Amino acid sequence: MDNSGLYVGLDIGTTSIKVIVAEKVKGQLNVIGVGNQPSNGLSRGVIVDIDQAGEAIRRAVNQAQEKASIEIKDVIVSVPANMLKIEPCNGLITLDDQSREITEEDVRNVAASALGTSLPTEREIIDIQPEEFIVDGFDGIKDPRGMVGVRLEMRGKLISGSKGIMHNLQKAVEKAGLNIMSTVLTPLAESHEMLNDGEQDFGTIIVDLGGGQTTASVIHDHQLKYATTDPEGGAYITKDISIVLNTSMNSAEKIKRDYGYADSLQASADNEFPVDVVGQSEPTYIDERYLAEIIEARLSQIFDRVKDRLNQIQALELPGGIVLTGGVAALPGIAELAADQFNTNVRVYIPDQMGLRHPSFTAALSLVSYFADLPDVDMIVRSAVGATLTKVPKLANSQEPQIPATEKPSKPKRQQKKKRGEGIRNFFSDFFD
């Protein structure tokens, strides 16, 4: 499907709000406007103050529309992975007494039949992913339109989330004077942008290291199979630096960006930089190794918690390994640190669009890329849900999916890992003594 047209992606993050305006012409997606403003009214990825969040969204959108020289009214909005539930869903309809060609309306009806039971009152639908259609017993069909049959079935995944989170998201966007064209799960959009066909097919983990939280998502067979969030991100690293070095949060953020390393083994103890310490007229000089140990200590804690959850579903056995993105992924040495802790192959994804070559722009760019390339049949299935925020059914006897393990050779951890671990322990011991 060549969804030519104009698309506006709105990524509402804890520390920043990003807007991407892109135009798709003859299969080519071109970014024509960007907005990037500090967030207000968000905590750990979700909106907690609708008015403040709405004003921050408005500022980011105004910046983007000035650069793109257009008026923005309709936006594609990212939905965080907080409190997601992924369940199997099945739909079945009988077309007629005699065989006839399957139409778009039939696809919509079979998708609607998959939403036939009730969700708990505190949850609502976010997305429905078709996995396959079955026509008169023949399975593995991706698009049944034009085929002839009597019985049409659909198997897929129903994704639901917190009604409160979705309500606040919608109200904040409305406060900014905008209309939600569509909501898109951030992990789904990112998988489309970040992973190649083989990685999506055989299985890969996306770890999005944002400002307010860290999200780990498992993609397998081109489907979102699992998502989990850790309530810590880049803002916690900045706070650690501020407390340990006794400097302001603004100064700590600048120090992190200018001198920070995720891997203390890559930082130098000889390279020093000035730190403005609260209550002192003269700056104090700190070396990069000491700063890296502060950063590494927090990242190690985050990675350990994420690893425990991924191990519960055997996701780390997937051959695609881990792909890192999000603002924190820009720290030098983060791929090496993650590879050492997760004991799998790790790479960092950075968008290749001019002016967006920083991992913090991945989510916003993914929104427009994903929606512009969404197949016709997927759009039809999603339309069965009705409005963007709609009450949906709960499916009985759902279970968390198990990710199929793939045989892979074990690889040794880096010989220097023991030294790094000692550095982290020494850092905490010295600081809290």
Protein backbone atom coordinates (compact mmCIF):
# COMPACT_ATOMS: atom_id res chain seq x y z
CA MET A 1 0.00 0.00 0.00
CA ASP A 2 1.36 3.42 -0.98
CA ASN A 3 -0.14 5.64 1.72
CA SER A 4 1.05 8.85 0.09
CA GLY A 5 0.31 11.94 2.11
CA LEU A 6 1.32 13.98 5.11
CA TYR A 7 1.84 12.40 8.54
CA VAL A 8 2.51 13.98 11.93
CA GLY A 9 3.95 11.83 14.71
CA LEU A 10 3.63 13.00 18.33
CA ASP A 11 5.88 11.28 20.86
CA ILE A 12 4.95 12.37 24.40
CA GLY A 13 7.91 11.48 26.58
CA THR A 14 8.64 12.08 30.24
CA THR A 15 11.46 14.54 29.64
CA SER A 16 10.73 15.81 26.13
CA ILE A 17 7.95 15.98 23.55
CA LYS A 18 8.92 15.41 19.94
CA VAL A 19 6.89 16.07 16.81
CA ILE A 20 7.84 14.80 13.35
CA VAL A 21 6.13 16.04 10.18
CA ALA A 22 6.81 13.74 7.24
CA GLU A 23 5.58 13.54 3.68
CA LYS A 24 5.39 10.28 1.77
CA VAL A 25 5.69 10.61 -1.98
CA LYS A 26 6.12 7.60 -4.30
CA GLY A 27 7.17 5.36 -1.45
CA GLN A 28 9.75 7.81 -0.07
CA LEU A 29 9.26 9.29 3.42
CA ASN A 30 10.74 12.76 3.80
CA VAL A 31 10.85 14.70 7.09
CA ILE A 32 9.83 18.32 6.52
CA GLY A 33 9.40 19.58 10.09
CA VAL A 34 10.55 18.78 13.62
CA GLY A 35 9.47 20.00 17.05
CA ASN A 36 11.33 19.24 20.28
CA GLN A 37 10.29 20.79 23.59
CA PRO A 38 10.76 19.91 27.29
CA SER A 39 7.89 17.94 28.82
CA ASN A 40 5.70 19.04 31.67
CA GLY A 41 2.97 17.12 33.48
CA LEU A 42 4.40 13.64 32.92
CA SER A 43 5.83 11.06 35.29
CA ARG A 44 7.36 7.71 34.28
CA GLY A 45 5.94 7.88 30.79
CA VAL A 46 2.33 8.76 31.66
CA ILE A 47 0.44 12.06 31.90
CA VAL A 48 -0.29 13.19 35.45
CA ASP A 49 -1.21 16.84 34.74
CA ILE A 50 -3.40 17.27 31.65
CA ASP A 51 -3.11 21.08 31.46
CA GLN A 52 0.68 21.16 31.72
CA ALA A 53 1.09 18.31 29.26
CA GLY A 54 -1.31 19.95 26.82
CA GLU A 55 0.65 23.19 26.87
CA ALA A 56 3.95 21.35 26.31
CA ILE A 57 2.41 19.48 23.36
CA ARG A 58 1.15 22.76 21.90
CA ARG A 59 4.64 24.30 22.05
CA ALA A 60 6.24 21.30 20.31
CA VAL A 61 3.56 21.23 17.61
CA ASN A 62 3.89 24.97 16.99
CA GLN A 63 7.62 24.57 16.51
CA ALA A 64 7.11 21.73 14.03
CA GLN A 65 4.43 23.47 12.00
CA GLU A 66 6.52 26.63 11.70
CA LYS A 67 9.40 24.61 10.25
CA ALA A 68 7.10 22.63 7.94
CA SER A 69 5.06 25.71 6.94
CA ILE A 70 1.77 23.88 7.48
CA GLU A 71 -1.05 23.91 10.01
CA ILE A 72 -1.15 20.75 12.12
CA LYS A 73 -4.53 19.44 13.26
CA ASP A 74 -4.32 15.63 13.06
CA VAL A 75 -1.60 13.67 14.81
CA ILE A 76 -0.48 10.06 15.24
CA VAL A 77 0.16 9.66 18.96
CA SER A 78 2.55 7.25 20.67
CA VAL A 79 1.14 5.04 23.41
CA PRO A 80 3.59 3.92 26.14
CA ALA A 81 3.88 0.26 27.09
CA ASN A 82 2.77 0.85 30.69
CA MET A 83 0.32 -1.78 31.95
CA LEU A 84 -0.11 -3.47 28.57
CA LYS A 85 -1.87 -6.79 28.29
CA ILE A 86 -1.46 -8.92 25.17
CA GLU A 87 -4.06 -11.62 24.60
CA PRO A 88 -4.97 -13.96 21.73
CA CYS A 89 -8.19 -13.18 19.89
CA ASN A 90 -10.18 -15.14 17.34
CA GLY A 91 -13.01 -14.09 15.07
CA LEU A 92 -15.37 -16.14 12.88
CA ILE A 93 -18.15 -15.21 10.45
CA THR A 94 -20.16 -17.13 7.87
CA LEU A 95 -20.38 -15.18 4.63
CA ASP A 96 -23.32 -16.70 2.76
CA ASP A 97 -24.94 -20.00 1.91
CA GLN A 98 -22.94 -19.97 -1.32
CA SER A 99 -19.34 -18.96 -1.94
CA ARG A 100 -18.62 -15.36 -2.90
CA GLU A 101 -15.67 -13.01 -2.95
CA ILE A 102 -14.57 -11.70 0.44
CA THR A 103 -14.88 -7.93 0.76
CA GLU A 104 -13.40 -5.21 2.95
CA GLU A 105 -16.60 -5.22 5.00
CA ASP A 106 -16.20 -8.94 5.65
CA VAL A 107 -12.69 -8.35 7.00
CA ARG A 108 -14.03 -5.61 9.26
CA ASN A 109 -16.84 -7.89 10.47
CA VAL A 110 -14.56 -10.82 11.30
CA ALA A 111 -12.28 -8.45 13.22
CA ALA A 112 -15.28 -7.09 15.11
CA SER A 113 -16.33 -10.64 15.98
CA ALA A 114 -12.97 -11.07 17.72
CA LEU A 115 -14.00 -8.30 20.11
CA GLY A 116 -17.07 -10.09 21.35
CA THR A 117 -16.56 -10.35 25.11
CA SER A 118 -16.01 -7.71 27.78
CA LEU A 119 -12.91 -6.12 29.25
CA PRO A 120 -12.63 -5.10 32.90
CA THR A 121 -13.94 -1.58 33.42
CA GLU A 122 -10.46 -0.19 34.09
CA ARG A 123 -9.07 -1.38 30.72
CA GLU A 124 -9.71 -0.58 27.08
CA ILE A 125 -8.46 -1.60 23.69
CA ILE A 126 -5.34 -0.03 22.23
CA ASP A 127 -4.69 -2.15 19.16
CA ILE A 128 -5.56 -5.41 17.43
CA GLN A 129 -2.94 -7.22 15.36
CA PRO A 130 -4.09 -9.74 12.74
CA GLU A 131 -1.77 -12.75 12.53
CA GLU A 132 -3.58 -14.77 9.88
CA PHE A 133 -6.92 -15.27 8.16
CA ILE A 134 -8.48 -18.66 7.46
CA VAL A 135 -10.84 -19.16 4.53
CA ASP A 136 -12.84 -22.41 4.52
CA GLY A 137 -10.12 -24.11 6.56
CA PHE A 138 -7.14 -22.83 4.53
CA ASP A 139 -4.87 -20.93 6.93
CA GLY A 140 -1.80 -18.68 6.67
CA ILE A 141 -3.62 -16.04 4.60
CA LYS A 142 -2.46 -12.45 5.13
CA ASP A 143 -5.16 -10.67 3.12
CA PRO A 144 -8.35 -12.60 2.24
CA ARG A 145 -10.00 -9.89 0.11
CA GLY A 146 -10.96 -11.12 -3.34
CA MET A 147 -10.81 -14.77 -2.31
CA VAL A 148 -13.89 -16.96 -2.53
CA GLY A 149 -15.28 -18.71 0.52
CA VAL A 150 -18.14 -19.32 2.91
CA ARG A 151 -16.39 -19.26 6.27
CA LEU A 152 -13.89 -16.55 7.29
CA GLU A 153 -11.79 -16.66 10.44
CA MET A 154 -9.16 -14.32 11.88
CA ARG A 155 -6.51 -15.05 14.49
CA GLY A 156 -4.61 -12.24 16.10
CA LYS A 157 -3.51 -10.40 19.21
CA LEU A 158 -5.62 -8.00 21.21
CA ILE A 159 -3.65 -5.34 23.11
CA SER A 160 -5.34 -3.49 25.93
CA GLY A 161 -4.15 -0.88 28.40
CA SER A 162 -5.17 1.33 31.27
CA LYS A 163 -8.28 3.37 30.62
CA GLY A 164 -6.91 6.16 32.84
CA ILE A 165 -3.66 6.41 30.87
CA MET A 166 -5.51 6.52 27.55
CA HIS A 167 -8.06 9.05 28.80
CA ASN A 168 -5.37 11.45 30.04
CA LEU A 169 -3.46 11.05 26.78
CA GLN A 170 -6.53 11.93 24.74
CA LYS A 171 -7.47 14.91 26.93
CA ALA A 172 -3.95 16.37 26.83
CA VAL A 173 -3.86 16.17 23.03
CA GLU A 174 -7.29 17.81 22.86
CA LYS A 175 -6.07 20.56 25.23
CA ALA A 176 -3.38 21.32 22.65
CA GLY A 177 -6.11 21.83 20.04
CA LEU A 178 -5.34 18.65 18.12
CA ASN A 179 -7.25 15.65 16.84
CA ILE A 180 -5.91 12.10 17.26
CA MET A 181 -5.80 10.48 13.83
CA SER A 182 -4.55 7.26 15.38
CA THR A 183 -2.81 5.92 18.44
CA VAL A 184 0.14 3.58 17.89
CA LEU A 185 1.99 1.49 20.44
CA THR A 186 5.55 2.78 20.66
CA PRO A 187 7.16 -0.73 20.61
CA LEU A 188 5.20 -1.70 17.47
CA ALA A 189 6.24 1.46 15.66
CA GLU A 190 9.87 1.11 16.74
CA SER A 191 10.06 -2.51 15.58
CA HIS A 192 9.00 -1.41 12.10
CA GLU A 193 11.66 1.31 11.97
CA MET A 194 14.53 -0.36 13.84
CA LEU A 195 14.48 -4.04 12.87
CA ASN A 196 15.08 -5.74 9.57
CA ASP A 197 12.81 -8.51 8.31
CA GLY A 198 14.92 -11.30 9.78
CA GLU A 199 15.10 -9.67 13.21
CA GLN A 200 11.33 -9.24 13.29
CA ASP A 201 10.76 -12.80 12.11
CA PHE A 202 13.19 -14.77 14.29
CA GLY A 203 12.90 -12.58 17.36
CA THR A 204 14.58 -9.50 18.80
CA ILE A 205 14.33 -7.43 21.98
CA ILE A 206 14.01 -3.64 21.79
CA VAL A 207 15.16 -1.76 24.89
CA ASP A 208 14.07 1.89 24.81
CA LEU A 209 16.04 3.85 27.40
CA GLY A 210 13.91 6.94 27.88
CA GLY A 211 14.16 9.82 30.30
CA GLY A 212 11.46 8.67 32.70
CA GLN A 213 11.43 4.90 32.23
CA THR A 214 12.96 1.99 30.37
CA THR A 215 10.82 -0.22 28.12
CA ALA A 216 11.78 -3.71 26.95
CA SER A 217 9.69 -5.19 24.11
CA VAL A 218 9.92 -8.61 22.49
CA ILE A 219 9.21 -8.84 18.76
CA HIS A 220 8.80 -12.32 17.25
CA ASP A 221 7.14 -13.46 14.03
CA HIS A 222 6.55 -9.76 13.22
CA GLN A 223 4.33 -9.45 16.30
CA LEU A 224 4.65 -7.74 19.66
CA LYS A 225 4.75 -10.68 22.06
CA TYR A 226 5.69 -9.03 25.34
CA ALA A 227 6.40 -5.60 26.81
CA THR A 228 7.53 -4.49 30.23
CA THR A 229 8.54 -1.15 31.74
CA ASP A 230 11.07 -0.32 34.41
CA PRO A 231 10.29 2.90 36.32
CA GLU A 232 13.81 4.33 35.93
CA GLY A 233 15.52 6.05 33.02
CA GLY A 234 17.86 8.86 32.12
CA ALA A 235 16.39 11.29 34.63
CA TYR A 236 17.46 8.96 37.44
CA ILE A 237 21.02 8.97 36.15
CA THR A 238 20.96 12.77 36.12
CA LYS A 239 19.62 12.82 39.68
CA ASP A 240 22.39 10.45 40.82
CA ILE A 241 25.03 12.75 39.32
CA SER A 242 23.41 15.77 40.96
CA ILE A 243 23.38 14.15 44.41
CA VAL A 244 26.84 12.59 44.29
CA LEU A 245 28.60 15.64 42.85
CA ASN A 246 26.46 18.14 44.80
CA THR A 247 25.54 20.09 41.69
CA SER A 248 22.27 21.35 40.18
CA MET A 249 20.09 19.13 37.99
CA ASN A 250 20.77 21.34 34.95
CA SER A 251 24.50 21.09 35.53
CA ALA A 252 24.24 17.33 36.08
CA GLU A 253 22.37 16.87 32.80
CA LYS A 254 24.98 18.87 30.90
CA ILE A 255 27.82 16.92 32.53
CA LYS A 256 26.13 13.63 31.60
CA ARG A 257 25.76 14.68 27.96
CA ASP A 258 29.24 16.21 27.59
CA TYR A 259 31.43 13.82 29.59
CA GLY A 260 29.34 10.75 30.40
CA TYR A 261 30.24 7.14 29.58
CA ALA A 262 27.98 4.16 30.22
CA ASP A 263 30.97 1.82 30.49
CA SER A 264 33.50 2.84 33.15
CA LEU A 265 36.15 0.68 31.42
CA GLN A 266 36.11 3.10 28.49
CA ALA A 267 36.37 6.27 30.59
CA SER A 268 39.70 7.82 31.53
CA ALA A 269 40.79 8.62 35.07
CA ASP A 270 43.19 11.21 33.62
CA ASN A 271 40.60 13.38 31.86
CA GLU A 272 39.10 15.88 34.31
CA PHE A 273 36.37 18.48 33.93
CA PRO A 274 34.98 21.26 36.17
CA VAL A 275 31.79 20.83 38.21
CA ASP A 276 29.91 23.77 39.72
CA VAL A 277 29.31 22.63 43.28
CA VAL A 278 26.45 24.12 45.29
CA GLY A 279 27.79 26.40 48.03
CA GLN A 280 31.26 26.79 46.51
CA SER A 281 32.57 29.76 44.55
CA GLU A 282 35.15 27.67 42.67
CA PRO A 283 34.40 24.56 40.62
CA THR A 284 35.60 21.11 41.67
CA TYR A 285 37.41 18.92 39.13
CA ILE A 286 36.12 15.38 38.59
CA ASP A 287 37.56 12.71 36.32
CA GLU A 288 35.55 10.88 33.66
CA ARG A 289 36.07 7.49 35.30
CA TYR A 290 34.36 8.61 38.51
CA LEU A 291 31.42 10.06 36.54
CA ALA A 292 31.16 6.84 34.50
CA GLU A 293 30.96 4.75 37.68
CA ILE A 294 27.96 6.83 38.82
CA ILE A 295 26.24 6.32 35.46
CA GLU A 296 27.15 2.65 35.20
CA ALA A 297 25.86 1.90 38.69
CA ARG A 298 22.35 3.10 37.80
CA LEU A 299 22.33 1.48 34.37
CA SER A 300 23.46 -1.84 35.84
CA GLN A 301 20.52 -1.81 38.23
CA ILE A 302 18.09 -1.09 35.39
CA PHE A 303 19.59 -3.79 33.18
CA ASP A 304 19.52 -6.35 35.99
CA ARG A 305 15.78 -5.84 36.56
CA VAL A 306 15.00 -5.94 32.84
CA LYS A 307 17.12 -9.09 32.45
CA ASP A 308 15.19 -10.86 35.22
CA ARG A 309 11.88 -10.21 33.44
CA LEU A 310 13.20 -11.25 30.04
CA ASN A 311 14.63 -14.45 31.48
CA GLN A 312 11.21 -15.37 32.82
CA ILE A 313 9.94 -15.75 29.25
CA GLN A 314 13.25 -17.01 27.78
CA ALA A 315 13.44 -13.98 25.49
CA LEU A 316 17.21 -13.64 25.74
CA GLU A 317 17.50 -16.90 23.77
CA LEU A 318 16.14 -15.18 20.66
CA PRO A 319 18.79 -14.86 17.91
CA GLY A 320 18.18 -11.16 17.21
CA GLY A 321 19.64 -10.14 20.55
CA ILE A 322 18.98 -6.61 21.83
CA VAL A 323 18.64 -3.31 20.00
CA LEU A 324 18.98 -0.20 22.18
CA THR A 325 17.40 3.17 21.49
CA GLY A 326 16.08 6.19 23.38
CA GLY A 327 18.05 9.20 24.61
CA VAL A 328 20.18 7.27 27.13
CA ALA A 329 21.39 4.99 24.31
CA ALA A 330 23.52 7.89 23.06
CA LEU A 331 25.97 7.38 25.96
CA PRO A 332 29.30 6.00 24.72
CA GLY A 333 29.96 2.42 25.75
CA ILE A 334 26.33 1.51 26.42
CA ALA A 335 26.30 -1.33 23.88
CA GLU A 336 29.33 -2.92 25.53
CA LEU A 337 27.83 -2.59 29.01
CA ALA A 338 24.52 -4.09 27.88
CA ALA A 339 26.20 -6.95 25.99
CA ASP A 340 28.20 -7.80 29.08
CA GLN A 341 25.17 -7.83 31.38
CA PHE A 342 22.66 -9.51 29.08
CA ASN A 343 25.23 -11.89 27.58
CA THR A 344 23.86 -11.46 24.07
CA ASN A 345 24.61 -9.40 20.97
CA VAL A 346 23.66 -5.74 21.34
CA ARG A 347 23.58 -2.81 18.94
CA VAL A 348 22.41 0.79 19.18
CA TYR A 349 19.86 2.14 16.70
CA ILE A 350 20.24 5.74 15.53
CA PRO A 351 17.86 7.21 12.91
CA ASP A 352 19.58 8.07 9.62
CA GLN A 353 17.33 11.00 8.72
CA MET A 354 19.19 14.31 8.42
CA GLY A 355 18.75 16.35 11.60
CA LEU A 356 17.39 13.37 13.55
CA ARG A 357 20.59 11.36 14.05
CA HIS A 358 20.10 10.81 17.74
CA PRO A 359 18.35 7.82 19.37
CA SER A 360 15.97 10.12 21.26
CA PHE A 361 14.13 10.77 17.96
CA THR A 362 13.52 7.08 17.20
CA ALA A 363 10.02 6.86 18.67
CA ALA A 364 8.66 9.97 16.93
CA LEU A 365 10.12 9.01 13.56
CA SER A 366 8.86 5.45 13.98
CA LEU A 367 5.28 6.67 14.36
CA VAL A 368 5.10 8.25 10.91
CA SER A 369 7.11 5.47 9.27
CA TYR A 370 4.90 2.74 10.77
CA PHE A 371 1.59 4.40 9.97
CA ALA A 372 2.60 5.37 6.43
CA ASP A 373 3.54 1.75 5.66
CA LEU A 374 0.60 0.08 7.42
CA PRO A 375 -0.98 -2.46 5.03
CA ASP A 376 -4.55 -1.99 3.85
CA VAL A 377 -5.83 -5.07 5.65
CA ASP A 378 -4.32 -3.95 8.97
CA MET A 379 -6.03 -0.57 8.62
CA ILE A 380 -9.35 -2.33 8.00
CA VAL A 381 -8.92 -4.56 11.05
CA ARG A 382 -8.06 -1.57 13.24
CA SER A 383 -11.15 0.29 11.97
CA ALA A 384 -13.30 -2.46 13.50
CA VAL A 385 -12.38 -1.10 16.89
CA GLY A 386 -14.29 2.09 16.07
CA ALA A 387 -13.15 5.23 17.85
CA THR A 388 -9.55 5.63 18.92
CA LEU A 389 -10.44 4.98 22.56
CA THR A 390 -13.09 2.27 22.67
CA LYS A 391 -14.33 -0.23 25.24
CA VAL A 392 -13.28 -3.70 24.28
CA PRO A 393 -13.66 -7.30 25.22
CA LYS A 394 -11.63 -9.35 27.61
CA LEU A 395 -10.63 -12.75 26.31
CA ALA A 396 -11.00 -15.67 28.66
CA ASN A 397 -8.19 -17.97 29.72
CA SER A 398 -5.40 -15.76 28.36
CA GLN A 399 -1.80 -16.59 29.12
CA GLU A 400 1.40 -14.65 28.79
CA PRO A 401 3.12 -15.92 25.64
CA GLN A 402 6.27 -17.99 25.90
CA ILE A 403 8.96 -17.01 23.45
CA PRO A 404 10.36 -20.02 21.63
CA ALA A 405 14.00 -20.58 22.54
CA THR A 406 16.56 -20.74 19.77
CA GLU A 407 19.79 -22.68 20.07
CA LYS A 408 22.80 -20.39 20.15
CA PRO A 409 26.39 -20.79 21.21
CA SER A 410 27.34 -19.44 24.60
CA LYS A 411 29.75 -16.57 24.54
CA PRO A 412 32.20 -15.65 27.24
CA LYS A 413 31.78 -12.45 29.19
CA ARG A 414 34.51 -9.88 28.85
CA GLN A 415 37.54 -10.64 30.94
CA GLN A 416 37.35 -7.17 32.48
CA LYS A 417 33.86 -7.60 33.90
CA LYS A 418 35.18 -8.42 37.37
CA LYS A 419 37.13 -5.18 37.39
CA ARG A 420 34.03 -3.23 36.40
CA GLY A 421 31.93 -4.85 39.11
CA GLU A 422 34.55 -3.99 41.67
CA GLY A 423 34.51 -0.39 40.45
CA ILE A 424 30.75 -0.11 40.97
CA ARG A 425 30.93 -1.65 44.43
CA ASN A 426 33.83 0.60 45.38
CA PHE A 427 31.94 3.63 44.14
CA PHE A 428 28.92 2.90 46.32
CA SER A 429 31.12 1.95 49.27
CA ASP A 430 33.15 5.16 49.04
CA PHE A 431 30.12 7.38 48.56
CA PHE A 432 27.98 6.03 51.37
CA ASP A 433 30.76 5.61 53.95
